[in-house]
């Protein structure tokens, strides 16, 4: 149950970051301005904003892979079997 909750939280985090990245790209190219778009000048400021968003995306992907590993470990835990007297 906890891994499902963590996965949903991380996916929500990823969705927000994807929105920020797309909005930033649209604002820089001049196609449109949406809420939370940062109009950065071309150069170091733009690079810093996009690199920061991508770094946070990679952290979310790493966290999601760790949650998947944890869930696999929980599913493959051997259950204690009842020993038969024989």
C-alpha atoms as a PDB file:
ATOM      1  CA  UNK A   1       0.000   0.000   0.000  1.00  0.00           C
ATOM      2  CA  UNK A   2       2.762   2.442   0.841  1.00  0.00           C
ATOM      3  CA  UNK A   3       4.569   1.816  -2.425  1.00  0.00           C
ATOM      4  CA  UNK A   4       1.391   2.566  -4.378  1.00  0.00           C
ATOM      5  CA  UNK A   5       0.987   5.847  -2.503  1.00  0.00           C
ATOM      6  CA  UNK A   6       4.622   6.750  -3.096  1.00  0.00           C
ATOM      7  CA  UNK A   7       4.313   5.917  -6.771  1.00  0.00           C
ATOM      8  CA  UNK A   8       1.232   8.121  -7.166  1.00  0.00           C
ATOM      9  CA  UNK A   9       2.947  10.991  -5.354  1.00  0.00           C
ATOM     10  CA  UNK A  10       6.042  10.704  -7.550  1.00  0.00           C
ATOM     11  CA  UNK A  11       3.936  10.566 -10.712  1.00  0.00           C
ATOM     12  CA  UNK A  12       2.136  13.735  -9.631  1.00  0.00           C
ATOM     13  CA  UNK A  13       5.518  15.369  -9.016  1.00  0.00           C
ATOM     14  CA  UNK A  14       6.647  14.276 -12.490  1.00  0.00           C
ATOM     15  CA  UNK A  15       3.465  15.688 -14.068  1.00  0.00           C
ATOM     16  CA  UNK A  16       4.048  19.102 -12.497  1.00  0.00           C
ATOM     17  CA  UNK A  17       7.673  19.144 -13.651  1.00  0.00           C
ATOM     18  CA  UNK A  18       6.690  18.093 -17.176  1.00  0.00           C
ATOM     19  CA  UNK A  19       4.167  20.936 -17.257  1.00  0.00           C
ATOM     20  CA  UNK A  20       6.832  23.408 -16.115  1.00  0.00           C
ATOM     21  CA  UNK A  21       9.267  22.193 -18.761  1.00  0.00           C
ATOM     22  CA  UNK A  22       6.714  22.422 -21.586  1.00  0.00           C
ATOM     23  CA  UNK A  23       5.503  25.845 -20.443  1.00  0.00           C
ATOM     24  CA  UNK A  24       9.092  27.091 -20.269  1.00  0.00           C
ATOM     25  CA  UNK A  25       9.803  25.828 -23.780  1.00  0.00           C
ATOM     26  CA  UNK A  26       6.646  27.435 -25.171  1.00  0.00           C
ATOM     27  CA  UNK A  27       7.440  30.755 -23.470  1.00  0.00           C
ATOM     28  CA  UNK A  28      11.010  30.856 -24.793  1.00  0.00           C
ATOM     29  CA  UNK A  29       9.992  30.007 -28.353  1.00  0.00           C
ATOM     30  CA  UNK A  30       7.294  32.685 -28.237  1.00  0.00           C
ATOM     31  CA  UNK A  31       4.405  30.364 -29.008  1.00  0.00           C
ATOM     32  CA  UNK A  32       2.486  31.318 -25.890  1.00  0.00           C
ATOM     33  CA  UNK A  33       2.579  32.191 -22.244  1.00  0.00           C
ATOM     34  CA  UNK A  34       0.799  29.970 -19.789  1.00  0.00           C
ATOM     35  CA  UNK A  35       0.559  30.237 -16.000  1.00  0.00           C
ATOM     36  CA  UNK A  36       3.890  29.574 -14.246  1.00  0.00           C
ATOM     37  CA  UNK A  37       5.925  30.219 -17.370  1.00  0.00           C
ATOM     38  CA  UNK A  38       9.277  31.821 -16.729  1.00  0.00           C
ATOM     39  CA  UNK A  39      10.419  34.024 -19.570  1.00  0.00           C
ATOM     40  CA  UNK A  40      14.151  33.770 -19.230  1.00  0.00           C
ATOM     41  CA  UNK A  41      16.517  35.506 -21.571  1.00  0.00           C
ATOM     42  CA  UNK A  42      18.392  33.244 -23.911  1.00  0.00           C
ATOM     43  CA  UNK A  43      21.670  32.328 -22.319  1.00  0.00           C
ATOM     44  CA  UNK A  44      22.803  31.277 -18.868  1.00  0.00           C
ATOM     45  CA  UNK A  45      19.514  32.045 -17.116  1.00  0.00           C
ATOM     46  CA  UNK A  46      17.506  29.899 -19.534  1.00  0.00           C
ATOM     47  CA  UNK A  47      20.073  27.114 -19.278  1.00  0.00           C
ATOM     48  CA  UNK A  48      19.904  27.236 -15.486  1.00  0.00           C
ATOM     49  CA  UNK A  49      16.095  27.045 -15.397  1.00  0.00           C
ATOM     50  CA  UNK A  50      15.863  24.174 -17.886  1.00  0.00           C
ATOM     51  CA  UNK A  51      18.750  22.285 -16.280  1.00  0.00           C
ATOM     52  CA  UNK A  52      17.140  22.640 -12.861  1.00  0.00           C
ATOM     53  CA  UNK A  53      13.812  21.288 -14.110  1.00  0.00           C
ATOM     54  CA  UNK A  54      15.525  18.378 -15.873  1.00  0.00           C
ATOM     55  CA  UNK A  55      17.600  17.572 -12.780  1.00  0.00           C
ATOM     56  CA  UNK A  56      14.424  17.435 -10.697  1.00  0.00           C
ATOM     57  CA  UNK A  57      12.874  15.172 -13.362  1.00  0.00           C
ATOM     58  CA  UNK A  58      15.815  12.776 -13.087  1.00  0.00           C
ATOM     59  CA  UNK A  59      15.510  12.733  -9.300  1.00  0.00           C
ATOM     60  CA  UNK A  60      11.846  11.802  -9.684  1.00  0.00           C
ATOM     61  CA  UNK A  61      12.720   9.005 -12.108  1.00  0.00           C
ATOM     62  CA  UNK A  62      15.367   7.720  -9.689  1.00  0.00           C
ATOM     63  CA  UNK A  63      12.878   7.776  -6.812  1.00  0.00           C
ATOM     64  CA  UNK A  64      10.316   5.924  -8.923  1.00  0.00           C
ATOM     65  CA  UNK A  65      12.837   3.224  -9.814  1.00  0.00           C
ATOM     66  CA  UNK A  66      13.718   2.810  -6.131  1.00  0.00           C
ATOM     67  CA  UNK A  67      10.034   2.431  -5.268  1.00  0.00           C
ATOM     68  CA  UNK A  68       9.674  -0.213  -8.005  1.00  0.00           C
ATOM     69  CA  UNK A  69      12.669  -2.133  -6.637  1.00  0.00           C
ATOM     70  CA  UNK A  70      11.202  -1.961  -3.138  1.00  0.00           C
ATOM     71  CA  UNK A  71       7.854  -3.251  -4.372  1.00  0.00           C
ATOM     72  CA  UNK A  72       9.496  -6.170  -6.197  1.00  0.00           C
ATOM     73  CA  UNK A  73      11.378  -7.081  -3.028  1.00  0.00           C
ATOM     74  CA  UNK A  74       8.156  -7.020  -1.016  1.00  0.00           C
ATOM     75  CA  UNK A  75       6.389  -9.230  -3.550  1.00  0.00           C
ATOM     76  CA  UNK A  76       9.163 -11.835  -3.713  1.00  0.00           C
ATOM     77  CA  UNK A  77       9.683 -12.177   0.036  1.00  0.00           C
ATOM     78  CA  UNK A  78       9.415 -15.836   0.899  1.00  0.00           C
ATOM     79  CA  UNK A  79       6.524 -16.553   3.182  1.00  0.00           C
ATOM     80  CA  UNK A  80       7.086 -18.879   6.070  1.00  0.00           C
ATOM     81  CA  UNK A  81       5.684 -22.204   5.063  1.00  0.00           C
ATOM     82  CA  UNK A  82       4.219 -24.590   7.544  1.00  0.00           C
ATOM     83  CA  UNK A  83       6.572 -27.487   8.054  1.00  0.00           C
ATOM     84  CA  UNK A  84       5.014 -30.877   7.803  1.00  0.00           C
ATOM     85  CA  UNK A  85       5.849 -33.568  10.312  1.00  0.00           C
ATOM     86  CA  UNK A  86       6.866 -36.550   8.361  1.00  0.00           C
END
